[in-house]
């Protein structure tokens, strides 16, 4: 895999408040973990480094076909390989794009500081333009779900649907315990064993050992990368209610990032075109815990939206044809 953009390495990027690797050895460690995790995925058919106003974005395309594609947004510090458990099943049905989030560990390279949610939606909207994607189904897990929501608010005409998997700080506020532990996990002297325990805790007891490539990648990102991301703004009731896009919200009943029951209630109360499901047996890592179940639900939702859009288009065409 050839990189087209040099990564941000070293303390010089701190003054500009840009995400960066601490030093060259840190990047080398991270890159080894990244390549190991990417090796678990199917071979991408295309690799892009797409230039936006906030930096160069690493994008992978998997699969072929002409259907409305899925655009997958990963969670914090996890990058594209976190979708390994889901990818084969999704690619069998639709083209799939996966990005490394700007400002996060990965092979995207941030060149301009973020000031808030609008900036983070802006680069995603620019990414759609550069890739020539007129319409996509967004799928985001954790903070990726938060980003998907804000992108859909900005360019709803480009978004066929949004599927959010236990989204962070979207329908329920992030708990103080997660904030404290997450902040501690990114300091250089945080013990590796504690970092692994944190990952397992957030993931409902999932394996976070050194034998697990995605866990290794996330741990390396926490240890070797410094991010300067503004706190994710909690959407107002009016913002959530004003989103005129079909939304599938899968809330994990064992999630520790928010109160799952309250999050599900808020989503059901406010979403104008929402389908909200509370999965009592799932943790925050539900895409890896239940990949087949998640894939089946997301694909069925996207198919239903596409059928409705096709029917609406046919009806509009018939009406236009009947007009003198």
C-alpha atoms as a PDB file:
ATOM      1  CA  UNK A   1       0.000   0.000   0.000  1.00  0.00           C
ATOM      2  CA  UNK A   2       1.518   3.305  -1.086  1.00  0.00           C
ATOM      3  CA  UNK A   3       0.805   6.471   0.853  1.00  0.00           C
ATOM      4  CA  UNK A   4       0.294   9.587  -1.258  1.00  0.00           C
ATOM      5  CA  UNK A   5       0.417  11.986   1.679  1.00  0.00           C
ATOM      6  CA  UNK A   6       3.058  12.283   4.393  1.00  0.00           C
ATOM      7  CA  UNK A   7       1.652  11.705   7.886  1.00  0.00           C
ATOM      8  CA  UNK A   8       1.765  14.395  10.559  1.00  0.00           C
ATOM      9  CA  UNK A   9       4.654  13.406  12.835  1.00  0.00           C
ATOM     10  CA  UNK A  10       6.113  15.343  15.732  1.00  0.00           C
ATOM     11  CA  UNK A  11       5.357  18.133  18.155  1.00  0.00           C
ATOM     12  CA  UNK A  12       5.428  20.844  15.467  1.00  0.00           C
ATOM     13  CA  UNK A  13       1.801  19.987  14.696  1.00  0.00           C
ATOM     14  CA  UNK A  14       0.719  20.601  18.279  1.00  0.00           C
ATOM     15  CA  UNK A  15       0.820  24.401  17.935  1.00  0.00           C
ATOM     16  CA  UNK A  16      -1.465  24.125  14.888  1.00  0.00           C
ATOM     17  CA  UNK A  17      -3.830  21.819  16.834  1.00  0.00           C
ATOM     18  CA  UNK A  18      -3.631  19.105  14.221  1.00  0.00           C
ATOM     19  CA  UNK A  19      -3.813  15.393  14.909  1.00  0.00           C
ATOM     20  CA  UNK A  20      -0.348  13.846  14.735  1.00  0.00           C
ATOM     21  CA  UNK A  21       1.826  10.891  15.695  1.00  0.00           C
ATOM     22  CA  UNK A  22       4.183  11.635  18.572  1.00  0.00           C
ATOM     23  CA  UNK A  23       7.379  10.748  16.696  1.00  0.00           C
ATOM     24  CA  UNK A  24       8.658   8.547  13.846  1.00  0.00           C
ATOM     25  CA  UNK A  25       8.912   5.349  15.978  1.00  0.00           C
ATOM     26  CA  UNK A  26       5.327   5.910  17.138  1.00  0.00           C
ATOM     27  CA  UNK A  27       4.129   6.108  13.550  1.00  0.00           C
ATOM     28  CA  UNK A  28       6.110   3.015  12.610  1.00  0.00           C
ATOM     29  CA  UNK A  29       4.488   1.056  15.466  1.00  0.00           C
ATOM     30  CA  UNK A  30       1.071   2.299  14.469  1.00  0.00           C
ATOM     31  CA  UNK A  31       1.599   1.559  10.787  1.00  0.00           C
ATOM     32  CA  UNK A  32       2.591  -2.027  11.568  1.00  0.00           C
ATOM     33  CA  UNK A  33      -0.588  -2.469  13.603  1.00  0.00           C
ATOM     34  CA  UNK A  34      -2.636  -0.822  10.850  1.00  0.00           C
ATOM     35  CA  UNK A  35      -1.231  -3.095   8.127  1.00  0.00           C
ATOM     36  CA  UNK A  36      -1.811  -6.184  10.281  1.00  0.00           C
ATOM     37  CA  UNK A  37      -5.441  -5.189  10.809  1.00  0.00           C
ATOM     38  CA  UNK A  38      -6.003  -4.277   7.152  1.00  0.00           C
ATOM     39  CA  UNK A  39      -4.683  -7.703   6.146  1.00  0.00           C
ATOM     40  CA  UNK A  40      -7.793  -9.218   7.755  1.00  0.00           C
ATOM     41  CA  UNK A  41     -10.077  -7.364   5.298  1.00  0.00           C
ATOM     42  CA  UNK A  42     -10.922  -8.333   1.718  1.00  0.00           C
ATOM     43  CA  UNK A  43      -8.754  -6.683  -0.916  1.00  0.00           C
ATOM     44  CA  UNK A  44     -10.105  -3.195  -1.710  1.00  0.00           C
ATOM     45  CA  UNK A  45     -10.841  -2.515  -5.371  1.00  0.00           C
ATOM     46  CA  UNK A  46      -9.768   1.125  -5.014  1.00  0.00           C
ATOM     47  CA  UNK A  47      -7.706   3.163  -2.544  1.00  0.00           C
ATOM     48  CA  UNK A  48      -8.038   6.949  -2.565  1.00  0.00           C
ATOM     49  CA  UNK A  49      -6.348   9.778  -0.713  1.00  0.00           C
ATOM     50  CA  UNK A  50      -8.929  12.501  -1.238  1.00  0.00           C
ATOM     51  CA  UNK A  51      -7.963  16.140  -0.641  1.00  0.00           C
ATOM     52  CA  UNK A  52     -10.497  18.253   1.264  1.00  0.00           C
ATOM     53  CA  UNK A  53     -10.295  21.652   2.900  1.00  0.00           C
ATOM     54  CA  UNK A  54      -9.392  20.002   6.215  1.00  0.00           C
ATOM     55  CA  UNK A  55      -6.922  17.424   4.989  1.00  0.00           C
ATOM     56  CA  UNK A  56      -6.338  14.310   2.929  1.00  0.00           C
ATOM     57  CA  UNK A  57      -8.803  11.497   3.621  1.00  0.00           C
ATOM     58  CA  UNK A  58      -7.896   7.826   3.179  1.00  0.00           C
ATOM     59  CA  UNK A  59     -10.834   6.000   1.541  1.00  0.00           C
ATOM     60  CA  UNK A  60     -11.195   2.352   0.559  1.00  0.00           C
ATOM     61  CA  UNK A  61     -13.754   1.014  -1.875  1.00  0.00           C
ATOM     62  CA  UNK A  62     -14.769  -2.614  -1.646  1.00  0.00           C
ATOM     63  CA  UNK A  63     -16.959  -4.503  -4.086  1.00  0.00           C
ATOM     64  CA  UNK A  64     -18.529  -3.566  -7.373  1.00  0.00           C
ATOM     65  CA  UNK A  65     -21.995  -2.970  -8.725  1.00  0.00           C
ATOM     66  CA  UNK A  66     -24.019   0.146  -9.396  1.00  0.00           C
ATOM     67  CA  UNK A  67     -26.351   0.210  -6.390  1.00  0.00           C
ATOM     68  CA  UNK A  68     -26.467   3.083  -3.927  1.00  0.00           C
ATOM     69  CA  UNK A  69     -23.287   2.486  -1.911  1.00  0.00           C
ATOM     70  CA  UNK A  70     -22.757   2.250   1.801  1.00  0.00           C
ATOM     71  CA  UNK A  71     -20.332   4.742   3.370  1.00  0.00           C
ATOM     72  CA  UNK A  72     -19.020   3.402   6.685  1.00  0.00           C
ATOM     73  CA  UNK A  73     -17.692   5.729   9.400  1.00  0.00           C
ATOM     74  CA  UNK A  74     -15.651   4.076  12.185  1.00  0.00           C
ATOM     75  CA  UNK A  75     -15.583   4.842  15.877  1.00  0.00           C
ATOM     76  CA  UNK A  76     -12.990   6.902  17.726  1.00  0.00           C
ATOM     77  CA  UNK A  77      -9.333   5.808  17.349  1.00  0.00           C
ATOM     78  CA  UNK A  78     -10.315   2.687  15.364  1.00  0.00           C
ATOM     79  CA  UNK A  79      -9.977   3.538  11.621  1.00  0.00           C
ATOM     80  CA  UNK A  80     -11.239   1.478   8.676  1.00  0.00           C
ATOM     81  CA  UNK A  81     -10.205  -2.016   9.898  1.00  0.00           C
ATOM     82  CA  UNK A  82     -12.768  -1.921  12.708  1.00  0.00           C
ATOM     83  CA  UNK A  83     -15.385  -2.964  10.108  1.00  0.00           C
ATOM     84  CA  UNK A  84     -13.648  -6.311   9.426  1.00  0.00           C
ATOM     85  CA  UNK A  85     -16.424  -8.422  10.967  1.00  0.00           C
ATOM     86  CA  UNK A  86     -19.097  -6.729   8.832  1.00  0.00           C
ATOM     87  CA  UNK A  87     -17.350  -6.116   5.551  1.00  0.00           C
ATOM     88  CA  UNK A  88     -17.704  -9.401   3.658  1.00  0.00           C
ATOM     89  CA  UNK A  89     -21.438  -9.585   4.305  1.00  0.00           C
ATOM     90  CA  UNK A  90     -22.030  -5.972   3.255  1.00  0.00           C
ATOM     91  CA  UNK A  91     -19.853  -6.168   0.140  1.00  0.00           C
ATOM     92  CA  UNK A  92     -21.795  -9.204  -1.056  1.00  0.00           C
ATOM     93  CA  UNK A  93     -24.807  -6.933  -1.484  1.00  0.00           C
ATOM     94  CA  UNK A  94     -23.591  -3.389  -2.167  1.00  0.00           C
ATOM     95  CA  UNK A  95     -20.534  -1.288  -2.987  1.00  0.00           C
ATOM     96  CA  UNK A  96     -18.901  -0.189   0.269  1.00  0.00           C
ATOM     97  CA  UNK A  97     -16.684   2.793   1.041  1.00  0.00           C
ATOM     98  CA  UNK A  98     -14.815   3.066   4.354  1.00  0.00           C
ATOM     99  CA  UNK A  99     -12.903   6.122   5.545  1.00  0.00           C
ATOM    100  CA  UNK A 100     -10.283   6.848   8.165  1.00  0.00           C
ATOM    101  CA  UNK A 101     -11.697   9.825  10.048  1.00  0.00           C
ATOM    102  CA  UNK A 102      -9.750  13.078   9.806  1.00  0.00           C
ATOM    103  CA  UNK A 103      -8.087  14.102  13.047  1.00  0.00           C
ATOM    104  CA  UNK A 104      -8.112  10.506  14.313  1.00  0.00           C
ATOM    105  CA  UNK A 105      -5.429   7.786  14.150  1.00  0.00           C
ATOM    106  CA  UNK A 106      -5.315   6.304  10.673  1.00  0.00           C
ATOM    107  CA  UNK A 107      -3.911   7.205   7.269  1.00  0.00           C
ATOM    108  CA  UNK A 108      -5.957  10.374   6.829  1.00  0.00           C
ATOM    109  CA  UNK A 109      -3.869  13.512   7.366  1.00  0.00           C
ATOM    110  CA  UNK A 110      -5.393  16.624   8.928  1.00  0.00           C
ATOM    111  CA  UNK A 111      -4.174  20.007   7.616  1.00  0.00           C
ATOM    112  CA  UNK A 112      -6.654  22.417   9.229  1.00  0.00           C
ATOM    113  CA  UNK A 113      -7.907  22.537  12.789  1.00  0.00           C
ATOM    114  CA  UNK A 114     -11.534  21.780  13.620  1.00  0.00           C
ATOM    115  CA  UNK A 115     -13.621  24.314  15.492  1.00  0.00           C
ATOM    116  CA  UNK A 116     -16.830  22.319  15.823  1.00  0.00           C
ATOM    117  CA  UNK A 117     -19.355  19.899  14.350  1.00  0.00           C
ATOM    118  CA  UNK A 118     -19.917  21.973  11.215  1.00  0.00           C
ATOM    119  CA  UNK A 119     -16.245  21.647  10.224  1.00  0.00           C
ATOM    120  CA  UNK A 120     -16.387  17.886  10.615  1.00  0.00           C
ATOM    121  CA  UNK A 121     -19.529  17.711   8.475  1.00  0.00           C
ATOM    122  CA  UNK A 122     -17.909  19.980   5.877  1.00  0.00           C
ATOM    123  CA  UNK A 123     -14.998  17.673   5.056  1.00  0.00           C
ATOM    124  CA  UNK A 124     -17.348  14.703   4.789  1.00  0.00           C
ATOM    125  CA  UNK A 125     -19.564  16.633   2.365  1.00  0.00           C
ATOM    126  CA  UNK A 126     -16.485  17.587   0.346  1.00  0.00           C
ATOM    127  CA  UNK A 127     -15.471  13.927   0.338  1.00  0.00           C
ATOM    128  CA  UNK A 128     -18.771  12.970  -1.312  1.00  0.00           C
ATOM    129  CA  UNK A 129     -18.130  15.602  -3.986  1.00  0.00           C
ATOM    130  CA  UNK A 130     -14.571  14.446  -4.693  1.00  0.00           C
ATOM    131  CA  UNK A 131     -15.633  10.807  -4.918  1.00  0.00           C
ATOM    132  CA  UNK A 132     -18.552  11.669  -7.194  1.00  0.00           C
ATOM    133  CA  UNK A 133     -21.072  10.099  -4.820  1.00  0.00           C
ATOM    134  CA  UNK A 134     -24.437  11.725  -5.451  1.00  0.00           C
ATOM    135  CA  UNK A 135     -26.235   9.546  -2.932  1.00  0.00           C
ATOM    136  CA  UNK A 136     -25.108   7.172  -0.169  1.00  0.00           C
ATOM    137  CA  UNK A 137     -26.420   5.144   2.729  1.00  0.00           C
ATOM    138  CA  UNK A 138     -24.422   6.226   5.788  1.00  0.00           C
ATOM    139  CA  UNK A 139     -23.508   3.713   8.480  1.00  0.00           C
ATOM    140  CA  UNK A 140     -21.689   4.976  11.573  1.00  0.00           C
ATOM    141  CA  UNK A 141     -20.694   3.339  14.838  1.00  0.00           C
ATOM    142  CA  UNK A 142     -20.162   5.328  18.054  1.00  0.00           C
ATOM    143  CA  UNK A 143     -18.617   8.713  17.118  1.00  0.00           C
ATOM    144  CA  UNK A 144     -19.021   7.702  13.475  1.00  0.00           C
ATOM    145  CA  UNK A 145     -22.767   7.702  14.084  1.00  0.00           C
ATOM    146  CA  UNK A 146     -22.504  11.226  15.485  1.00  0.00           C
ATOM    147  CA  UNK A 147     -20.599  12.289  12.358  1.00  0.00           C
ATOM    148  CA  UNK A 148     -23.137  10.609  10.068  1.00  0.00           C
ATOM    149  CA  UNK A 149     -25.953  12.534  11.751  1.00  0.00           C
ATOM    150  CA  UNK A 150     -24.222  15.895  11.259  1.00  0.00           C
ATOM    151  CA  UNK A 151     -23.392  15.119   7.628  1.00  0.00           C
ATOM    152  CA  UNK A 152     -27.053  14.242   6.996  1.00  0.00           C
ATOM    153  CA  UNK A 153     -28.102  17.537   8.617  1.00  0.00           C
ATOM    154  CA  UNK A 154     -25.797  19.419   6.246  1.00  0.00           C
ATOM    155  CA  UNK A 155     -26.551  17.651   2.939  1.00  0.00           C
ATOM    156  CA  UNK A 156     -29.783  15.638   3.387  1.00  0.00           C
ATOM    157  CA  UNK A 157     -30.345  15.518  -0.363  1.00  0.00           C
ATOM    158  CA  UNK A 158     -27.193  13.389  -0.716  1.00  0.00           C
ATOM    159  CA  UNK A 159     -28.091  10.918   2.033  1.00  0.00           C
ATOM    160  CA  UNK A 160     -30.432   8.032   1.224  1.00  0.00           C
ATOM    161  CA  UNK A 161     -30.477   6.832   4.837  1.00  0.00           C
ATOM    162  CA  UNK A 162     -28.495   6.872   8.066  1.00  0.00           C
ATOM    163  CA  UNK A 163     -27.879   3.781  10.194  1.00  0.00           C
ATOM    164  CA  UNK A 164     -26.293   4.582  13.564  1.00  0.00           C
ATOM    165  CA  UNK A 165     -24.905   1.817  15.769  1.00  0.00           C
ATOM    166  CA  UNK A 166     -24.954   2.879  19.417  1.00  0.00           C
ATOM    167  CA  UNK A 167     -24.018   6.450  18.445  1.00  0.00           C
ATOM    168  CA  UNK A 168     -21.989   8.531  20.893  1.00  0.00           C
ATOM    169  CA  UNK A 169     -23.456  11.769  22.267  1.00  0.00           C
ATOM    170  CA  UNK A 170     -26.328  11.780  19.803  1.00  0.00           C
ATOM    171  CA  UNK A 171     -29.467  10.531  21.541  1.00  0.00           C
ATOM    172  CA  UNK A 172     -27.929  10.183  24.998  1.00  0.00           C
ATOM    173  CA  UNK A 173     -25.112  12.121  26.645  1.00  0.00           C
ATOM    174  CA  UNK A 174     -21.730  10.440  27.130  1.00  0.00           C
ATOM    175  CA  UNK A 175     -21.278   9.242  30.705  1.00  0.00           C
ATOM    176  CA  UNK A 176     -18.634  10.870  32.896  1.00  0.00           C
ATOM    177  CA  UNK A 177     -16.902   7.529  33.485  1.00  0.00           C
ATOM    178  CA  UNK A 178     -16.222   7.081  29.779  1.00  0.00           C
ATOM    179  CA  UNK A 179     -14.878  10.633  29.509  1.00  0.00           C
ATOM    180  CA  UNK A 180     -12.494  10.167  32.447  1.00  0.00           C
ATOM    181  CA  UNK A 181     -11.185   6.783  31.354  1.00  0.00           C
ATOM    182  CA  UNK A 182     -10.886   7.825  27.703  1.00  0.00           C
ATOM    183  CA  UNK A 183      -8.876  10.928  28.583  1.00  0.00           C
ATOM    184  CA  UNK A 184      -6.571   8.874  30.762  1.00  0.00           C
ATOM    185  CA  UNK A 185      -6.020   6.232  28.094  1.00  0.00           C
ATOM    186  CA  UNK A 186      -4.340   8.613  25.638  1.00  0.00           C
ATOM    187  CA  UNK A 187      -1.554   9.850  27.924  1.00  0.00           C
ATOM    188  CA  UNK A 188       1.845   8.250  27.163  1.00  0.00           C
ATOM    189  CA  UNK A 189       2.382   6.775  30.650  1.00  0.00           C
ATOM    190  CA  UNK A 190      -1.039   5.061  30.801  1.00  0.00           C
ATOM    191  CA  UNK A 191      -0.219   1.348  31.395  1.00  0.00           C
ATOM    192  CA  UNK A 192      -0.873  -0.861  28.393  1.00  0.00           C
ATOM    193  CA  UNK A 193      -2.726  -3.387  30.574  1.00  0.00           C
ATOM    194  CA  UNK A 194      -5.133  -0.663  31.703  1.00  0.00           C
ATOM    195  CA  UNK A 195      -5.650   0.446  28.111  1.00  0.00           C
ATOM    196  CA  UNK A 196      -6.601  -3.123  27.173  1.00  0.00           C
ATOM    197  CA  UNK A 197      -8.997  -3.314  30.124  1.00  0.00           C
ATOM    198  CA  UNK A 198     -10.609  -0.055  29.016  1.00  0.00           C
ATOM    199  CA  UNK A 199     -11.157  -1.427  25.508  1.00  0.00           C
ATOM    200  CA  UNK A 200     -12.666  -4.616  26.891  1.00  0.00           C
ATOM    201  CA  UNK A 201     -14.886  -2.646  29.299  1.00  0.00           C
ATOM    202  CA  UNK A 202     -16.280  -0.405  26.555  1.00  0.00           C
ATOM    203  CA  UNK A 203     -16.780  -3.484  24.356  1.00  0.00           C
ATOM    204  CA  UNK A 204     -18.770  -5.404  26.923  1.00  0.00           C
ATOM    205  CA  UNK A 205     -15.954  -7.790  27.853  1.00  0.00           C
ATOM    206  CA  UNK A 206     -14.809  -8.499  24.291  1.00  0.00           C
ATOM    207  CA  UNK A 207     -11.311  -9.818  23.622  1.00  0.00           C
ATOM    208  CA  UNK A 208      -8.809  -6.930  23.664  1.00  0.00           C
ATOM    209  CA  UNK A 209      -5.679  -9.065  23.874  1.00  0.00           C
ATOM    210  CA  UNK A 210      -2.521  -8.605  21.831  1.00  0.00           C
ATOM    211  CA  UNK A 211      -3.704 -11.403  19.528  1.00  0.00           C
ATOM    212  CA  UNK A 212      -6.644  -9.331  18.288  1.00  0.00           C
ATOM    213  CA  UNK A 213      -5.552  -7.073  15.356  1.00  0.00           C
ATOM    214  CA  UNK A 214      -8.270  -4.426  15.692  1.00  0.00           C
ATOM    215  CA  UNK A 215      -7.708  -4.161  19.464  1.00  0.00           C
ATOM    216  CA  UNK A 216      -3.977  -3.753  18.756  1.00  0.00           C
ATOM    217  CA  UNK A 217      -4.737  -0.992  16.264  1.00  0.00           C
ATOM    218  CA  UNK A 218      -7.017   0.914  18.642  1.00  0.00           C
ATOM    219  CA  UNK A 219      -4.509   0.579  21.478  1.00  0.00           C
ATOM    220  CA  UNK A 220      -1.693   1.829  19.224  1.00  0.00           C
ATOM    221  CA  UNK A 221      -3.789   4.824  18.216  1.00  0.00           C
ATOM    222  CA  UNK A 222      -4.476   5.708  21.831  1.00  0.00           C
ATOM    223  CA  UNK A 223      -0.793   5.371  22.729  1.00  0.00           C
ATOM    224  CA  UNK A 224       0.942   6.910  19.705  1.00  0.00           C
ATOM    225  CA  UNK A 225      -1.421   9.566  18.321  1.00  0.00           C
ATOM    226  CA  UNK A 226      -2.358  12.988  19.692  1.00  0.00           C
ATOM    227  CA  UNK A 227      -5.747  14.311  18.605  1.00  0.00           C
ATOM    228  CA  UNK A 228      -7.142  17.853  18.853  1.00  0.00           C
ATOM    229  CA  UNK A 229     -10.838  17.243  18.404  1.00  0.00           C
ATOM    230  CA  UNK A 230     -13.490  19.584  19.813  1.00  0.00           C
ATOM    231  CA  UNK A 231     -15.943  17.858  22.145  1.00  0.00           C
ATOM    232  CA  UNK A 232     -18.788  16.365  20.089  1.00  0.00           C
ATOM    233  CA  UNK A 233     -21.704  18.778  20.402  1.00  0.00           C
ATOM    234  CA  UNK A 234     -24.875  17.225  21.792  1.00  0.00           C
ATOM    235  CA  UNK A 235     -27.650  17.860  19.232  1.00  0.00           C
ATOM    236  CA  UNK A 236     -30.659  19.860  20.316  1.00  0.00           C
ATOM    237  CA  UNK A 237     -34.147  18.396  20.203  1.00  0.00           C
ATOM    238  CA  UNK A 238     -34.908  20.653  17.237  1.00  0.00           C
ATOM    239  CA  UNK A 239     -31.884  19.367  15.321  1.00  0.00           C
ATOM    240  CA  UNK A 240     -32.820  15.731  15.857  1.00  0.00           C
ATOM    241  CA  UNK A 241     -36.468  16.355  15.014  1.00  0.00           C
ATOM    242  CA  UNK A 242     -35.508  18.395  11.956  1.00  0.00           C
ATOM    243  CA  UNK A 243     -33.540  15.639  10.221  1.00  0.00           C
ATOM    244  CA  UNK A 244     -35.655  14.685   7.206  1.00  0.00           C
ATOM    245  CA  UNK A 245     -33.764  11.492   6.349  1.00  0.00           C
ATOM    246  CA  UNK A 246     -34.688   7.875   7.187  1.00  0.00           C
ATOM    247  CA  UNK A 247     -32.748   6.809  10.285  1.00  0.00           C
ATOM    248  CA  UNK A 248     -32.159   3.337  11.703  1.00  0.00           C
ATOM    249  CA  UNK A 249     -30.909   3.615  15.283  1.00  0.00           C
ATOM    250  CA  UNK A 250     -29.602   0.444  16.924  1.00  0.00           C
ATOM    251  CA  UNK A 251     -29.044   1.122  20.621  1.00  0.00           C
ATOM    252  CA  UNK A 252     -27.001  -1.364  22.658  1.00  0.00           C
ATOM    253  CA  UNK A 253     -28.751  -2.328  25.885  1.00  0.00           C
ATOM    254  CA  UNK A 254     -25.430  -3.027  27.654  1.00  0.00           C
ATOM    255  CA  UNK A 255     -23.716   0.131  26.395  1.00  0.00           C
ATOM    256  CA  UNK A 256     -21.717   2.069  28.958  1.00  0.00           C
ATOM    257  CA  UNK A 257     -21.287   5.265  26.914  1.00  0.00           C
ATOM    258  CA  UNK A 258     -24.814   6.533  27.666  1.00  0.00           C
ATOM    259  CA  UNK A 259     -28.046   5.444  29.300  1.00  0.00           C
ATOM    260  CA  UNK A 260     -29.401   3.086  26.613  1.00  0.00           C
ATOM    261  CA  UNK A 261     -33.055   3.242  27.652  1.00  0.00           C
ATOM    262  CA  UNK A 262     -33.104   7.052  27.787  1.00  0.00           C
ATOM    263  CA  UNK A 263     -31.235   7.261  24.460  1.00  0.00           C
ATOM    264  CA  UNK A 264     -33.771   4.987  22.777  1.00  0.00           C
ATOM    265  CA  UNK A 265     -36.675   6.965  24.236  1.00  0.00           C
ATOM    266  CA  UNK A 266     -35.250  10.277  22.982  1.00  0.00           C
ATOM    267  CA  UNK A 267     -34.624   8.864  19.516  1.00  0.00           C
ATOM    268  CA  UNK A 268     -38.166   7.468  19.290  1.00  0.00           C
ATOM    269  CA  UNK A 269     -39.661  10.720  20.518  1.00  0.00           C
ATOM    270  CA  UNK A 270     -37.779  13.033  18.185  1.00  0.00           C
ATOM    271  CA  UNK A 271     -36.842  11.303  14.938  1.00  0.00           C
ATOM    272  CA  UNK A 272     -39.311  12.220  12.215  1.00  0.00           C
ATOM    273  CA  UNK A 273     -38.428   9.204  10.048  1.00  0.00           C
ATOM    274  CA  UNK A 274     -36.783   6.919  12.561  1.00  0.00           C
ATOM    275  CA  UNK A 275     -36.768   3.218  13.305  1.00  0.00           C
ATOM    276  CA  UNK A 276     -35.317   2.698  16.779  1.00  0.00           C
ATOM    277  CA  UNK A 277     -34.352  -0.685  18.202  1.00  0.00           C
ATOM    278  CA  UNK A 278     -32.966  -1.365  21.679  1.00  0.00           C
ATOM    279  CA  UNK A 279     -30.884  -4.573  21.610  1.00  0.00           C
ATOM    280  CA  UNK A 280     -30.736  -5.651  25.278  1.00  0.00           C
ATOM    281  CA  UNK A 281     -27.968  -8.236  24.780  1.00  0.00           C
ATOM    282  CA  UNK A 282     -25.574  -5.958  22.868  1.00  0.00           C
ATOM    283  CA  UNK A 283     -22.644  -3.862  24.122  1.00  0.00           C
ATOM    284  CA  UNK A 284     -21.214  -0.706  22.557  1.00  0.00           C
ATOM    285  CA  UNK A 285     -19.224  -2.987  20.205  1.00  0.00           C
ATOM    286  CA  UNK A 286     -22.399  -4.452  18.699  1.00  0.00           C
ATOM    287  CA  UNK A 287     -21.087  -4.428  15.118  1.00  0.00           C
ATOM    288  CA  UNK A 288     -18.371  -6.905  16.126  1.00  0.00           C
ATOM    289  CA  UNK A 289     -20.498  -8.861  18.599  1.00  0.00           C
ATOM    290  CA  UNK A 290     -23.395  -9.412  16.192  1.00  0.00           C
ATOM    291  CA  UNK A 291     -22.022  -8.772  12.687  1.00  0.00           C
ATOM    292  CA  UNK A 292     -24.558 -10.911  10.811  1.00  0.00           C
ATOM    293  CA  UNK A 293     -27.476  -9.464  12.739  1.00  0.00           C
ATOM    294  CA  UNK A 294     -26.244  -5.900  12.198  1.00  0.00           C
ATOM    295  CA  UNK A 295     -25.603  -6.517   8.486  1.00  0.00           C
ATOM    296  CA  UNK A 296     -29.036  -8.039   7.969  1.00  0.00           C
ATOM    297  CA  UNK A 297     -30.767  -5.122   9.665  1.00  0.00           C
ATOM    298  CA  UNK A 298     -28.747  -2.386   7.923  1.00  0.00           C
ATOM    299  CA  UNK A 299     -29.106  -3.958   4.467  1.00  0.00           C
ATOM    300  CA  UNK A 300     -32.842  -4.547   4.902  1.00  0.00           C
ATOM    301  CA  UNK A 301     -33.291  -0.912   5.950  1.00  0.00           C
ATOM    302  CA  UNK A 302     -31.297   0.366   2.954  1.00  0.00           C
ATOM    303  CA  UNK A 303     -33.258  -1.899   0.600  1.00  0.00           C
ATOM    304  CA  UNK A 304     -36.555  -0.633   2.007  1.00  0.00           C
ATOM    305  CA  UNK A 305     -35.477   2.986   1.538  1.00  0.00           C
ATOM    306  CA  UNK A 306     -34.353   2.329  -2.036  1.00  0.00           C
ATOM    307  CA  UNK A 307     -37.642   0.640  -2.909  1.00  0.00           C
ATOM    308  CA  UNK A 308     -39.578   3.584  -1.511  1.00  0.00           C
ATOM    309  CA  UNK A 309     -37.402   6.012  -3.475  1.00  0.00           C
ATOM    310  CA  UNK A 310     -37.917   4.009  -6.681  1.00  0.00           C
ATOM    311  CA  UNK A 311     -41.670   3.932  -6.139  1.00  0.00           C
ATOM    312  CA  UNK A 312     -41.746   7.667  -5.512  1.00  0.00           C
ATOM    313  CA  UNK A 313     -39.694   8.247  -8.652  1.00  0.00           C
ATOM    314  CA  UNK A 314     -41.984   6.084 -10.773  1.00  0.00           C
ATOM    315  CA  UNK A 315     -45.040   7.881  -9.436  1.00  0.00           C
ATOM    316  CA  UNK A 316     -43.487  11.261 -10.163  1.00  0.00           C
ATOM    317  CA  UNK A 317     -42.594  10.109 -13.670  1.00  0.00           C
ATOM    318  CA  UNK A 318     -46.126   8.874 -14.353  1.00  0.00           C
ATOM    319  CA  UNK A 319     -47.617  12.120 -13.107  1.00  0.00           C
ATOM    320  CA  UNK A 320     -45.240  14.167 -15.234  1.00  0.00           C
ATOM    321  CA  UNK A 321     -46.093  12.093 -18.263  1.00  0.00           C
ATOM    322  CA  UNK A 322     -49.810  12.676 -17.792  1.00  0.00           C
ATOM    323  CA  UNK A 323     -49.438  16.458 -17.582  1.00  0.00           C
ATOM    324  CA  UNK A 324     -50.433  18.187 -20.826  1.00  0.00           C
END
